[in-house]
Amino acid sequence: MAIITARGLRKSFRVAAKQPGLAGTLRHVVRRRWQELDAVREVSFSIEPGEVVGFLGGNGAGKTTTLKLLSGLIHPSGGELEVAGHRPWRRERSFLEAITLVMGQKQQLIWDLPPLDSLRVNAAVYGIDALEACRRIGELAEMLELGDAELTRPVRKLSLGQRMKAELLAALLHRPRVLFLDEPTLGLDVNAQARVRTFLADYNQRTGATVLLTSHYMADITALCPRVLLIHRGQLFYDGALAALGERLAPWRQVRLELAAPMAAEHLGSYGEIEQLDGAAVRLLIPKERLTTTLNRLLAELPVLDLEVNDPPIEELIGRLFVEGAVPPS
């Protein structure tokens, strides 16, 4: 049975419509006009317990609004929504104990206090006794590689990576069944991102928690999310496997060649589409169905010093979809 279900989910905001210039400002003061802005339109999906799902879209596509609807921070304008057996906007205690929301650009830890103090407050809010809270903090701190030095130092003196790990600890202290993660690796360096990804994968395997993750870093999505939801201008236009999406979007492979000597583009073009040509370094796009035959030809007919075959970068493929707002037919 699905732990998250959305059917025809909608959210509209009433915003003032102001014309530019002085005349527009005067009219706006005297007689204000309003318009309805659709942030989320007819979004439907379901997520099973234990799934880790990526939620992708360009800026302003409706990702954060959807997460706020799912976590009950805002009320939907229409449609049906159920999370962990609850209507999120009712904000019932049992619902709040079942979920958590982490936003990379916001924090819940108190800036001038050590994380440990905020964690004790969180434990009291959720009715966790001191002994159990201490045990959970120790367990999560070990998984997150947070030592006593980080937990007892004021938050303002922690690095960004340390703060985000402490935020995750605070968000998971009550052992939620559903994690809504909005850009949890935002602004982190490559090593810190990798550590957060490793932790989330480990946490999912240990606890069976369901995760809905948004991120602008495709490495987060490819490492954690077998399934993705794609949204554009408030509408969902893809729900399925990430691997299958890559296969549909790229019916070719990237072949990088290093030749013993430069060759003319006219000759190289007979093997595939030339994506890049820089002296003796060549990058070709070759259809998958002709890959084996073409590689044999390349090795037999050209002075190849080095050859490498790669899938096209998934971030490039996804980026094209956000511009078009649709997945091409298979």
C-alpha atoms as a PDB file:
ATOM      1  CA  MET A   1       0.000   0.000   0.000  1.00  0.00           C
ATOM      2  CA  ALA A   2       1.363   3.429  -0.973  1.00  0.00           C
ATOM      3  CA  ILE A   3       2.622   5.626   1.835  1.00  0.00           C
ATOM      4  CA  ILE A   4       2.292   8.802  -0.288  1.00  0.00           C
ATOM      5  CA  THR A   5      -0.600   9.332  -2.708  1.00  0.00           C
ATOM      6  CA  ALA A   6      -1.433  12.456  -4.712  1.00  0.00           C
ATOM      7  CA  ARG A   7      -4.322  12.653  -7.191  1.00  0.00           C
ATOM      8  CA  GLY A   8      -4.991  15.769  -9.235  1.00  0.00           C
ATOM      9  CA  LEU A   9      -3.074  17.870  -6.693  1.00  0.00           C
ATOM     10  CA  ARG A  10      -3.362  21.619  -7.298  1.00  0.00           C
ATOM     11  CA  LYS A  11      -2.076  24.761  -5.618  1.00  0.00           C
ATOM     12  CA  SER A  12      -2.873  28.305  -6.762  1.00  0.00           C
ATOM     13  CA  PHE A  13      -1.732  31.583  -5.260  1.00  0.00           C
ATOM     14  CA  ARG A  14      -3.562  34.911  -5.558  1.00  0.00           C
ATOM     15  CA  VAL A  15      -1.024  37.562  -6.562  1.00  0.00           C
ATOM     16  CA  ALA A  16      -1.319  41.233  -7.407  1.00  0.00           C
ATOM     17  CA  ALA A  17      -1.003  42.086 -11.102  1.00  0.00           C
ATOM     18  CA  LYS A  18       0.960  45.327 -11.372  1.00  0.00           C
ATOM     19  CA  GLN A  19       1.829  47.105 -14.602  1.00  0.00           C
ATOM     20  CA  PRO A  20       5.317  48.652 -14.931  1.00  0.00           C
ATOM     21  CA  GLY A  21       6.048  52.368 -14.656  1.00  0.00           C
ATOM     22  CA  LEU A  22       4.614  55.231 -12.589  1.00  0.00           C
ATOM     23  CA  ALA A  23       1.136  54.964 -14.116  1.00  0.00           C
ATOM     24  CA  GLY A  24       1.063  51.259 -13.346  1.00  0.00           C
ATOM     25  CA  THR A  25       2.104  51.954  -9.749  1.00  0.00           C
ATOM     26  CA  LEU A  26      -0.665  54.555  -9.295  1.00  0.00           C
ATOM     27  CA  ARG A  27      -3.296  52.230 -10.736  1.00  0.00           C
ATOM     28  CA  HIS A  28      -1.965  49.475  -8.449  1.00  0.00           C
ATOM     29  CA  VAL A  29      -2.482  51.736  -5.396  1.00  0.00           C
ATOM     30  CA  VAL A  30      -5.918  53.030  -6.402  1.00  0.00           C
ATOM     31  CA  ARG A  31      -7.422  49.890  -7.878  1.00  0.00           C
ATOM     32  CA  ARG A  32      -5.460  46.731  -7.282  1.00  0.00           C
ATOM     33  CA  ARG A  33      -6.012  43.831  -9.623  1.00  0.00           C
ATOM     34  CA  TRP A  34      -5.380  40.196  -8.805  1.00  0.00           C
ATOM     35  CA  GLN A  35      -4.618  37.074 -10.771  1.00  0.00           C
ATOM     36  CA  GLU A  36      -4.406  33.384  -9.962  1.00  0.00           C
ATOM     37  CA  LEU A  37      -0.957  31.799 -10.305  1.00  0.00           C
ATOM     38  CA  ASP A  38      -0.920  27.995 -10.653  1.00  0.00           C
ATOM     39  CA  ALA A  39       2.164  26.677  -8.880  1.00  0.00           C
ATOM     40  CA  VAL A  40       1.090  23.010  -9.021  1.00  0.00           C
ATOM     41  CA  ARG A  41      -1.399  21.689 -11.579  1.00  0.00           C
ATOM     42  CA  GLU A  42      -3.065  18.263 -11.614  1.00  0.00           C
ATOM     43  CA  VAL A  43      -0.094  16.387 -10.133  1.00  0.00           C
ATOM     44  CA  SER A  44      -0.692  12.675  -9.505  1.00  0.00           C
ATOM     45  CA  PHE A  45       1.713  10.013  -8.218  1.00  0.00           C
ATOM     46  CA  SER A  46       2.120   7.389  -5.505  1.00  0.00           C
ATOM     47  CA  ILE A  47       5.188   6.228  -3.590  1.00  0.00           C
ATOM     48  CA  GLU A  48       5.564   2.876  -1.858  1.00  0.00           C
ATOM     49  CA  PRO A  49       7.110   2.471   1.616  1.00  0.00           C
ATOM     50  CA  GLY A  50      10.910   2.355   1.499  1.00  0.00           C
ATOM     51  CA  GLU A  51      11.252   3.930  -1.944  1.00  0.00           C
ATOM     52  CA  VAL A  52      13.841   6.636  -2.624  1.00  0.00           C
ATOM     53  CA  VAL A  53      12.433   8.897  -5.336  1.00  0.00           C
ATOM     54  CA  GLY A  54      14.053  11.903  -7.002  1.00  0.00           C
ATOM     55  CA  PHE A  55      11.874  14.947  -7.679  1.00  0.00           C
ATOM     56  CA  LEU A  56      13.371  17.096 -10.429  1.00  0.00           C
ATOM     57  CA  GLY A  57      12.499  20.312 -12.184  1.00  0.00           C
ATOM     58  CA  GLY A  58      13.918  23.687 -13.098  1.00  0.00           C
ATOM     59  CA  ASN A  59      13.722  26.751 -10.861  1.00  0.00           C
ATOM     60  CA  GLY A  60      10.088  27.679 -10.247  1.00  0.00           C
ATOM     61  CA  ALA A  61       8.794  24.345 -11.567  1.00  0.00           C
ATOM     62  CA  GLY A  62       6.805  23.598  -8.401  1.00  0.00           C
ATOM     63  CA  LYS A  63       9.087  21.209  -6.489  1.00  0.00           C
ATOM     64  CA  THR A  64       9.259  23.086  -3.185  1.00  0.00           C
ATOM     65  CA  THR A  65       5.548  23.949  -3.322  1.00  0.00           C
ATOM     66  CA  THR A  66       4.758  20.249  -3.739  1.00  0.00           C
ATOM     67  CA  LEU A  67       6.967  19.329  -0.779  1.00  0.00           C
ATOM     68  CA  LYS A  68       5.235  21.967   1.348  1.00  0.00           C
ATOM     69  CA  LEU A  69       1.878  20.469   0.370  1.00  0.00           C
ATOM     70  CA  LEU A  70       3.073  16.976   1.239  1.00  0.00           C
ATOM     71  CA  SER A  71       4.418  18.106   4.613  1.00  0.00           C
ATOM     72  CA  GLY A  72       1.262  20.081   5.443  1.00  0.00           C
ATOM     73  CA  LEU A  73       2.836  23.542   5.497  1.00  0.00           C
ATOM     74  CA  ILE A  74       0.314  24.807   2.949  1.00  0.00           C
ATOM     75  CA  HIS A  75      -3.220  23.738   2.049  1.00  0.00           C
ATOM     76  CA  PRO A  76      -3.903  22.400  -1.471  1.00  0.00           C
ATOM     77  CA  SER A  77      -6.329  24.264  -3.728  1.00  0.00           C
ATOM     78  CA  GLY A  78      -7.706  21.014  -5.059  1.00  0.00           C
ATOM     79  CA  GLY A  79      -7.136  17.307  -5.518  1.00  0.00           C
ATOM     80  CA  GLU A  80      -6.537  14.493  -3.049  1.00  0.00           C
ATOM     81  CA  LEU A  81      -3.463  13.983  -0.891  1.00  0.00           C
ATOM     82  CA  GLU A  82      -2.540  11.393   1.705  1.00  0.00           C
ATOM     83  CA  VAL A  83       0.796  10.847   3.480  1.00  0.00           C
ATOM     84  CA  ALA A  84       1.321   8.009   5.964  1.00  0.00           C
ATOM     85  CA  GLY A  85      -2.452   7.642   6.312  1.00  0.00           C
ATOM     86  CA  HIS A  86      -3.031  11.339   7.079  1.00  0.00           C
ATOM     87  CA  ARG A  87      -4.291  14.493   5.383  1.00  0.00           C
ATOM     88  CA  PRO A  88      -1.118  16.577   5.726  1.00  0.00           C
ATOM     89  CA  TRP A  89      -2.774  20.000   6.124  1.00  0.00           C
ATOM     90  CA  ARG A  90      -4.460  18.858   9.343  1.00  0.00           C
ATOM     91  CA  ARG A  91      -0.994  18.706  10.968  1.00  0.00           C
ATOM     92  CA  GLU A  92      -2.023  16.018  13.451  1.00  0.00           C
ATOM     93  CA  ARG A  93       0.585  15.009  16.016  1.00  0.00           C
ATOM     94  CA  SER A  94       0.794  11.443  14.709  1.00  0.00           C
ATOM     95  CA  PHE A  95       1.408  12.825  11.207  1.00  0.00           C
ATOM     96  CA  LEU A  96       4.168  15.168  12.380  1.00  0.00           C
ATOM     97  CA  GLU A  97       5.821  12.281  14.192  1.00  0.00           C
ATOM     98  CA  ALA A  98       5.800  10.260  10.954  1.00  0.00           C
ATOM     99  CA  ILE A  99       7.483  12.807   8.654  1.00  0.00           C
ATOM    100  CA  THR A 100      10.358  15.233   8.472  1.00  0.00           C
ATOM    101  CA  LEU A 101      11.200  18.073   6.083  1.00  0.00           C
ATOM    102  CA  VAL A 102      14.787  19.207   5.493  1.00  0.00           C
ATOM    103  CA  MET A 103      15.378  22.324   3.400  1.00  0.00           C
ATOM    104  CA  GLY A 104      18.982  23.012   2.451  1.00  0.00           C
ATOM    105  CA  GLN A 105      18.473  26.798   2.469  1.00  0.00           C
ATOM    106  CA  LYS A 106      16.816  26.887   5.918  1.00  0.00           C
ATOM    107  CA  GLN A 107      17.844  25.719   9.371  1.00  0.00           C
ATOM    108  CA  GLN A 108      16.163  24.615  12.564  1.00  0.00           C
ATOM    109  CA  LEU A 109      19.252  24.614  14.806  1.00  0.00           C
ATOM    110  CA  ILE A 110      19.688  27.618  17.095  1.00  0.00           C
ATOM    111  CA  TRP A 111      22.565  29.690  15.686  1.00  0.00           C
ATOM    112  CA  ASP A 112      24.356  30.602  18.914  1.00  0.00           C
ATOM    113  CA  LEU A 113      23.890  27.282  20.725  1.00  0.00           C
ATOM    114  CA  PRO A 114      25.661  23.950  20.211  1.00  0.00           C
ATOM    115  CA  PRO A 115      23.683  21.396  18.156  1.00  0.00           C
ATOM    116  CA  LEU A 116      23.424  19.189  21.239  1.00  0.00           C
ATOM    117  CA  ASP A 117      21.232  21.781  22.997  1.00  0.00           C
ATOM    118  CA  SER A 118      18.845  21.984  20.018  1.00  0.00           C
ATOM    119  CA  LEU A 119      18.749  18.179  19.849  1.00  0.00           C
ATOM    120  CA  ARG A 120      17.702  17.978  23.483  1.00  0.00           C
ATOM    121  CA  VAL A 121      14.918  20.484  22.797  1.00  0.00           C
ATOM    122  CA  ASN A 122      13.759  18.398  19.824  1.00  0.00           C
ATOM    123  CA  ALA A 123      13.772  15.272  21.960  1.00  0.00           C
ATOM    124  CA  ALA A 124      11.570  16.999  24.555  1.00  0.00           C
ATOM    125  CA  VAL A 125       9.163  18.208  21.865  1.00  0.00           C
ATOM    126  CA  TYR A 126       8.721  14.640  20.560  1.00  0.00           C
ATOM    127  CA  GLY A 127       8.451  13.171  24.063  1.00  0.00           C
ATOM    128  CA  ILE A 128      11.695  11.176  23.844  1.00  0.00           C
ATOM    129  CA  ASP A 129      13.177  10.513  27.280  1.00  0.00           C
ATOM    130  CA  ALA A 130      16.739  11.650  27.981  1.00  0.00           C
ATOM    131  CA  LEU A 131      18.315   8.178  27.933  1.00  0.00           C
ATOM    132  CA  GLU A 132      16.701   7.195  24.636  1.00  0.00           C
ATOM    133  CA  ALA A 133      17.534  10.600  23.124  1.00  0.00           C
ATOM    134  CA  CYS A 134      21.182  10.164  24.093  1.00  0.00           C
ATOM    135  CA  ARG A 135      21.240   6.727  22.468  1.00  0.00           C
ATOM    136  CA  ARG A 136      19.648   7.976  19.244  1.00  0.00           C
ATOM    137  CA  ILE A 137      21.960  10.990  19.062  1.00  0.00           C
ATOM    138  CA  GLY A 138      24.986   8.736  19.455  1.00  0.00           C
ATOM    139  CA  GLU A 139      23.753   6.329  16.774  1.00  0.00           C
ATOM    140  CA  LEU A 140      22.978   9.041  14.226  1.00  0.00           C
ATOM    141  CA  ALA A 141      26.156  11.011  15.039  1.00  0.00           C
ATOM    142  CA  GLU A 142      28.223   7.892  14.341  1.00  0.00           C
ATOM    143  CA  MET A 143      26.466   7.357  10.995  1.00  0.00           C
ATOM    144  CA  LEU A 144      26.968  11.030  10.086  1.00  0.00           C
ATOM    145  CA  GLU A 145      30.589  11.122  11.329  1.00  0.00           C
ATOM    146  CA  LEU A 146      29.807  13.908  13.806  1.00  0.00           C
ATOM    147  CA  GLY A 147      32.027  13.943  16.885  1.00  0.00           C
ATOM    148  CA  ASP A 148      31.631  15.540  20.311  1.00  0.00           C
ATOM    149  CA  ALA A 149      33.602  18.571  19.101  1.00  0.00           C
ATOM    150  CA  GLU A 150      30.975  19.366  16.427  1.00  0.00           C
ATOM    151  CA  LEU A 151      28.004  18.637  18.684  1.00  0.00           C
ATOM    152  CA  THR A 152      29.232  20.873  21.522  1.00  0.00           C
ATOM    153  CA  ARG A 153      30.450  23.821  19.417  1.00  0.00           C
ATOM    154  CA  PRO A 154      28.057  26.723  18.622  1.00  0.00           C
ATOM    155  CA  VAL A 155      26.334  26.193  15.293  1.00  0.00           C
ATOM    156  CA  ARG A 156      27.735  29.468  13.923  1.00  0.00           C
ATOM    157  CA  LYS A 157      31.263  28.038  14.295  1.00  0.00           C
ATOM    158  CA  LEU A 158      30.566  24.881  12.299  1.00  0.00           C
ATOM    159  CA  SER A 159      31.401  24.458   8.642  1.00  0.00           C
ATOM    160  CA  LEU A 160      28.522  24.272   6.164  1.00  0.00           C
ATOM    161  CA  GLY A 161      28.962  20.523   5.819  1.00  0.00           C
ATOM    162  CA  GLN A 162      28.984  20.018   9.594  1.00  0.00           C
ATOM    163  CA  ARG A 163      25.855  22.170   9.948  1.00  0.00           C
ATOM    164  CA  MET A 164      23.977  20.175   7.322  1.00  0.00           C
ATOM    165  CA  LYS A 165      24.876  16.893   9.000  1.00  0.00           C
ATOM    166  CA  ALA A 166      23.695  18.313  12.333  1.00  0.00           C
ATOM    167  CA  GLU A 167      20.463  19.454  10.630  1.00  0.00           C
ATOM    168  CA  LEU A 168      19.909  15.920   9.341  1.00  0.00           C
ATOM    169  CA  LEU A 169      20.518  14.530  12.821  1.00  0.00           C
ATOM    170  CA  ALA A 170      17.944  16.929  14.274  1.00  0.00           C
ATOM    171  CA  ALA A 171      15.417  16.069  11.555  1.00  0.00           C
ATOM    172  CA  LEU A 172      15.768  12.306  12.077  1.00  0.00           C
ATOM    173  CA  LEU A 173      15.904  12.187  15.858  1.00  0.00           C
ATOM    174  CA  HIS A 174      12.229  11.178  16.112  1.00  0.00           C
ATOM    175  CA  ARG A 175      12.716   8.384  13.547  1.00  0.00           C
ATOM    176  CA  PRO A 176      10.279   9.538  10.858  1.00  0.00           C
ATOM    177  CA  ARG A 177       8.935   7.073   8.308  1.00  0.00           C
ATOM    178  CA  VAL A 178       8.853   9.663   5.502  1.00  0.00           C
ATOM    179  CA  LEU A 179      11.693  12.052   4.621  1.00  0.00           C
ATOM    180  CA  PHE A 180      11.071  15.105   2.433  1.00  0.00           C
ATOM    181  CA  LEU A 181      14.498  16.459   1.486  1.00  0.00           C
ATOM    182  CA  ASP A 182      14.689  19.746  -0.427  1.00  0.00           C
ATOM    183  CA  GLU A 183      18.256  20.371  -1.647  1.00  0.00           C
ATOM    184  CA  PRO A 184      19.976  18.716   1.344  1.00  0.00           C
ATOM    185  CA  THR A 185      23.440  19.061  -0.256  1.00  0.00           C
ATOM    186  CA  LEU A 186      23.003  22.681  -1.393  1.00  0.00           C
ATOM    187  CA  GLY A 187      26.286  24.580  -1.219  1.00  0.00           C
ATOM    188  CA  LEU A 188      28.310  21.647   0.116  1.00  0.00           C
ATOM    189  CA  ASP A 189      31.692  20.715  -1.330  1.00  0.00           C
ATOM    190  CA  VAL A 190      32.112  17.471  -3.268  1.00  0.00           C
ATOM    191  CA  ASN A 191      33.355  15.458  -0.268  1.00  0.00           C
ATOM    192  CA  ALA A 192      30.554  16.687   2.012  1.00  0.00           C
ATOM    193  CA  GLN A 193      27.957  15.879  -0.671  1.00  0.00           C
ATOM    194  CA  ALA A 194      29.322  12.350  -0.968  1.00  0.00           C
ATOM    195  CA  ARG A 195      29.173  11.825   2.801  1.00  0.00           C
ATOM    196  CA  VAL A 196      25.552  13.026   2.974  1.00  0.00           C
ATOM    197  CA  ARG A 197      24.599  10.721   0.078  1.00  0.00           C
ATOM    198  CA  THR A 198      26.277   7.761   1.768  1.00  0.00           C
ATOM    199  CA  PHE A 199      24.438   8.515   5.006  1.00  0.00           C
ATOM    200  CA  LEU A 200      21.031   8.771   3.307  1.00  0.00           C
ATOM    201  CA  ALA A 201      21.531   5.486   1.453  1.00  0.00           C
ATOM    202  CA  ASP A 202      22.622   3.782   4.684  1.00  0.00           C
ATOM    203  CA  TYR A 203      19.721   5.288   6.650  1.00  0.00           C
ATOM    204  CA  ASN A 204      17.205   4.120   4.048  1.00  0.00           C
ATOM    205  CA  GLN A 205      18.586   0.576   4.116  1.00  0.00           C
ATOM    206  CA  ARG A 206      18.665   0.420   7.931  1.00  0.00           C
ATOM    207  CA  THR A 207      15.260   1.904   8.658  1.00  0.00           C
ATOM    208  CA  GLY A 208      13.212   1.374   5.480  1.00  0.00           C
ATOM    209  CA  ALA A 209      12.278   5.070   5.514  1.00  0.00           C
ATOM    210  CA  THR A 210      10.652   6.522   2.401  1.00  0.00           C
ATOM    211  CA  VAL A 211      12.565   9.417   0.813  1.00  0.00           C
ATOM    212  CA  LEU A 212      11.418  12.081  -1.647  1.00  0.00           C
ATOM    213  CA  LEU A 213      14.469  14.094  -2.667  1.00  0.00           C
ATOM    214  CA  THR A 214      14.920  17.254  -4.719  1.00  0.00           C
ATOM    215  CA  SER A 215      18.375  18.320  -5.803  1.00  0.00           C
ATOM    216  CA  HIS A 216      20.115  20.368  -8.478  1.00  0.00           C
ATOM    217  CA  TYR A 217      23.100  17.997  -8.193  1.00  0.00           C
ATOM    218  CA  MET A 218      22.469  15.052 -10.498  1.00  0.00           C
ATOM    219  CA  ALA A 219      25.076  13.045  -8.583  1.00  0.00           C
ATOM    220  CA  ASP A 220      22.612  12.969  -5.662  1.00  0.00           C
ATOM    221  CA  ILE A 221      19.864  11.613  -7.898  1.00  0.00           C
ATOM    222  CA  THR A 222      21.943   9.020  -9.767  1.00  0.00           C
ATOM    223  CA  ALA A 223      23.470   7.735  -6.504  1.00  0.00           C
ATOM    224  CA  LEU A 224      20.221   7.465  -4.533  1.00  0.00           C
ATOM    225  CA  CYS A 225      17.120   7.418  -6.739  1.00  0.00           C
ATOM    226  CA  PRO A 226      16.178   4.509  -9.028  1.00  0.00           C
ATOM    227  CA  ARG A 227      12.928   6.362  -9.800  1.00  0.00           C
ATOM    228  CA  VAL A 228      12.370  10.024 -10.672  1.00  0.00           C
ATOM    229  CA  LEU A 229       9.440  12.419 -10.997  1.00  0.00           C
ATOM    230  CA  LEU A 230       9.939  15.306 -13.441  1.00  0.00           C
ATOM    231  CA  ILE A 231       7.903  18.501 -13.117  1.00  0.00           C
ATOM    232  CA  HIS A 232       7.703  21.522 -15.432  1.00  0.00           C
ATOM    233  CA  ARG A 233       5.600  24.642 -14.812  1.00  0.00           C
ATOM    234  CA  GLY A 234       3.646  22.867 -12.099  1.00  0.00           C
ATOM    235  CA  GLN A 235       2.803  19.767 -14.151  1.00  0.00           C
ATOM    236  CA  LEU A 236       4.285  16.292 -13.808  1.00  0.00           C
ATOM    237  CA  PHE A 237       5.467  15.008 -17.180  1.00  0.00           C
ATOM    238  CA  TYR A 238       7.477  11.898 -16.277  1.00  0.00           C
ATOM    239  CA  ASP A 239       7.215   9.259 -13.540  1.00  0.00           C
ATOM    240  CA  GLY A 240       9.448   6.245 -13.950  1.00  0.00           C
ATOM    241  CA  ALA A 241      12.872   4.671 -13.763  1.00  0.00           C
ATOM    242  CA  LEU A 242      15.887   6.937 -14.152  1.00  0.00           C
ATOM    243  CA  ALA A 243      17.726   4.283 -16.180  1.00  0.00           C
ATOM    244  CA  ALA A 244      14.810   3.900 -18.582  1.00  0.00           C
ATOM    245  CA  LEU A 245      14.679   7.660 -19.030  1.00  0.00           C
ATOM    246  CA  GLY A 246      18.345   7.726 -19.993  1.00  0.00           C
ATOM    247  CA  GLU A 247      17.775   4.982 -22.559  1.00  0.00           C
ATOM    248  CA  ARG A 248      14.850   6.878 -24.123  1.00  0.00           C
ATOM    249  CA  LEU A 249      16.660  10.197 -24.255  1.00  0.00           C
ATOM    250  CA  ALA A 250      19.959   8.964 -25.630  1.00  0.00           C
ATOM    251  CA  PRO A 251      19.753   6.294 -28.338  1.00  0.00           C
ATOM    252  CA  TRP A 252      23.519   6.767 -28.861  1.00  0.00           C
ATOM    253  CA  ARG A 253      26.817   6.470 -27.019  1.00  0.00           C
ATOM    254  CA  GLN A 254      29.720   8.876 -26.649  1.00  0.00           C
ATOM    255  CA  VAL A 255      32.974   7.487 -28.059  1.00  0.00           C
ATOM    256  CA  ARG A 256      36.168   9.353 -27.210  1.00  0.00           C
ATOM    257  CA  LEU A 257      39.179   8.684 -29.423  1.00  0.00           C
ATOM    258  CA  GLU A 258      42.818   9.672 -29.231  1.00  0.00           C
ATOM    259  CA  LEU A 259      44.464   9.171 -32.620  1.00  0.00           C
ATOM    260  CA  ALA A 260      48.130   8.957 -33.545  1.00  0.00           C
ATOM    261  CA  ALA A 261      47.628  11.896 -35.923  1.00  0.00           C
ATOM    262  CA  PRO A 262      44.848  14.391 -36.742  1.00  0.00           C
ATOM    263  CA  MET A 263      42.336  13.360 -39.382  1.00  0.00           C
ATOM    264  CA  ALA A 264      39.887  15.297 -41.553  1.00  0.00           C
ATOM    265  CA  ALA A 265      36.367  15.810 -40.247  1.00  0.00           C
ATOM    266  CA  GLU A 266      34.923  14.527 -43.534  1.00  0.00           C
ATOM    267  CA  HIS A 267      36.548  11.148 -42.963  1.00  0.00           C
ATOM    268  CA  LEU A 268      35.677  10.889 -39.268  1.00  0.00           C
ATOM    269  CA  GLY A 269      32.054  11.818 -39.988  1.00  0.00           C
ATOM    270  CA  SER A 270      31.570   8.478 -41.738  1.00  0.00           C
ATOM    271  CA  TYR A 271      31.778   6.725 -38.357  1.00  0.00           C
ATOM    272  CA  GLY A 272      29.300   8.881 -36.449  1.00  0.00           C
ATOM    273  CA  GLU A 273      28.271  12.405 -35.549  1.00  0.00           C
ATOM    274  CA  ILE A 274      31.282  14.501 -34.548  1.00  0.00           C
ATOM    275  CA  GLU A 275      30.571  16.106 -31.198  1.00  0.00           C
ATOM    276  CA  GLN A 276      34.073  17.486 -30.684  1.00  0.00           C
ATOM    277  CA  LEU A 277      37.250  17.564 -32.766  1.00  0.00           C
ATOM    278  CA  ASP A 278      40.473  18.981 -31.339  1.00  0.00           C
ATOM    279  CA  GLY A 279      43.496  17.874 -33.319  1.00  0.00           C
ATOM    280  CA  ALA A 280      43.956  14.166 -32.693  1.00  0.00           C
ATOM    281  CA  ALA A 281      41.297  14.113 -29.944  1.00  0.00           C
ATOM    282  CA  VAL A 282      37.831  13.195 -31.212  1.00  0.00           C
ATOM    283  CA  ARG A 283      34.445  12.644 -29.589  1.00  0.00           C
ATOM    284  CA  LEU A 284      31.796  10.879 -31.658  1.00  0.00           C
ATOM    285  CA  LEU A 285      28.122  10.137 -31.093  1.00  0.00           C
ATOM    286  CA  ILE A 286      27.302   6.647 -32.383  1.00  0.00           C
ATOM    287  CA  PRO A 287      23.818   5.035 -32.402  1.00  0.00           C
ATOM    288  CA  LYS A 288      23.623   2.121 -29.966  1.00  0.00           C
ATOM    289  CA  GLU A 289      22.509  -0.370 -32.589  1.00  0.00           C
ATOM    290  CA  ARG A 290      25.653   0.353 -34.641  1.00  0.00           C
ATOM    291  CA  LEU A 291      28.079   0.644 -31.730  1.00  0.00           C
ATOM    292  CA  THR A 292      29.802  -2.764 -31.930  1.00  0.00           C
ATOM    293  CA  THR A 293      30.198  -2.678 -35.703  1.00  0.00           C
ATOM    294  CA  THR A 294      31.477   0.916 -35.671  1.00  0.00           C
ATOM    295  CA  LEU A 295      34.003   0.242 -32.885  1.00  0.00           C
ATOM    296  CA  ASN A 296      35.409  -2.671 -34.884  1.00  0.00           C
ATOM    297  CA  ARG A 297      35.754  -0.398 -37.910  1.00  0.00           C
ATOM    298  CA  LEU A 298      37.427   2.355 -35.884  1.00  0.00           C
ATOM    299  CA  LEU A 299      40.025  -0.013 -34.454  1.00  0.00           C
ATOM    300  CA  ALA A 300      40.687  -1.650 -37.817  1.00  0.00           C
ATOM    301  CA  GLU A 301      40.801   1.487 -39.990  1.00  0.00           C
ATOM    302  CA  LEU A 302      42.165   4.311 -37.787  1.00  0.00           C
ATOM    303  CA  PRO A 303      45.442   4.760 -35.846  1.00  0.00           C
ATOM    304  CA  VAL A 304      43.739   4.618 -32.428  1.00  0.00           C
ATOM    305  CA  LEU A 305      45.915   5.168 -29.355  1.00  0.00           C
ATOM    306  CA  ASP A 306      43.087   5.269 -26.849  1.00  0.00           C
ATOM    307  CA  LEU A 307      39.339   4.642 -26.980  1.00  0.00           C
ATOM    308  CA  GLU A 308      36.635   5.185 -24.367  1.00  0.00           C
ATOM    309  CA  VAL A 309      32.872   4.554 -24.573  1.00  0.00           C
ATOM    310  CA  ASN A 310      30.531   6.444 -22.230  1.00  0.00           C
ATOM    311  CA  ASP A 311      26.859   7.004 -21.673  1.00  0.00           C
ATOM    312  CA  PRO A 312      25.915  10.658 -22.267  1.00  0.00           C
ATOM    313  CA  PRO A 313      25.897  12.717 -19.038  1.00  0.00           C
ATOM    314  CA  ILE A 314      22.441  12.361 -17.467  1.00  0.00           C
ATOM    315  CA  GLU A 315      22.454  16.006 -16.334  1.00  0.00           C
ATOM    316  CA  GLU A 316      22.652  17.140 -19.965  1.00  0.00           C
ATOM    317  CA  LEU A 317      19.744  14.896 -20.929  1.00  0.00           C
ATOM    318  CA  ILE A 318      17.581  16.024 -18.015  1.00  0.00           C
ATOM    319  CA  GLY A 319      18.464  19.665 -18.696  1.00  0.00           C
ATOM    320  CA  ARG A 320      16.984  19.402 -22.190  1.00  0.00           C
ATOM    321  CA  LEU A 321      13.744  18.059 -20.755  1.00  0.00           C
ATOM    322  CA  PHE A 322      13.347  21.037 -18.416  1.00  0.00           C
ATOM    323  CA  VAL A 323      13.469  23.350 -21.432  1.00  0.00           C
ATOM    324  CA  GLU A 324      10.943  21.307 -23.444  1.00  0.00           C
ATOM    325  CA  GLY A 325       8.751  20.157 -20.534  1.00  0.00           C
ATOM    326  CA  ALA A 326       8.084  16.785 -22.171  1.00  0.00           C
ATOM    327  CA  VAL A 327       9.727  13.417 -22.725  1.00  0.00           C
ATOM    328  CA  PRO A 328      10.017  12.454 -26.393  1.00  0.00           C
ATOM    329  CA  PRO A 329       8.051   9.317 -27.412  1.00  0.00           C
ATOM    330  CA  SER A 330       9.967   6.073 -27.330  1.00  0.00           C
END
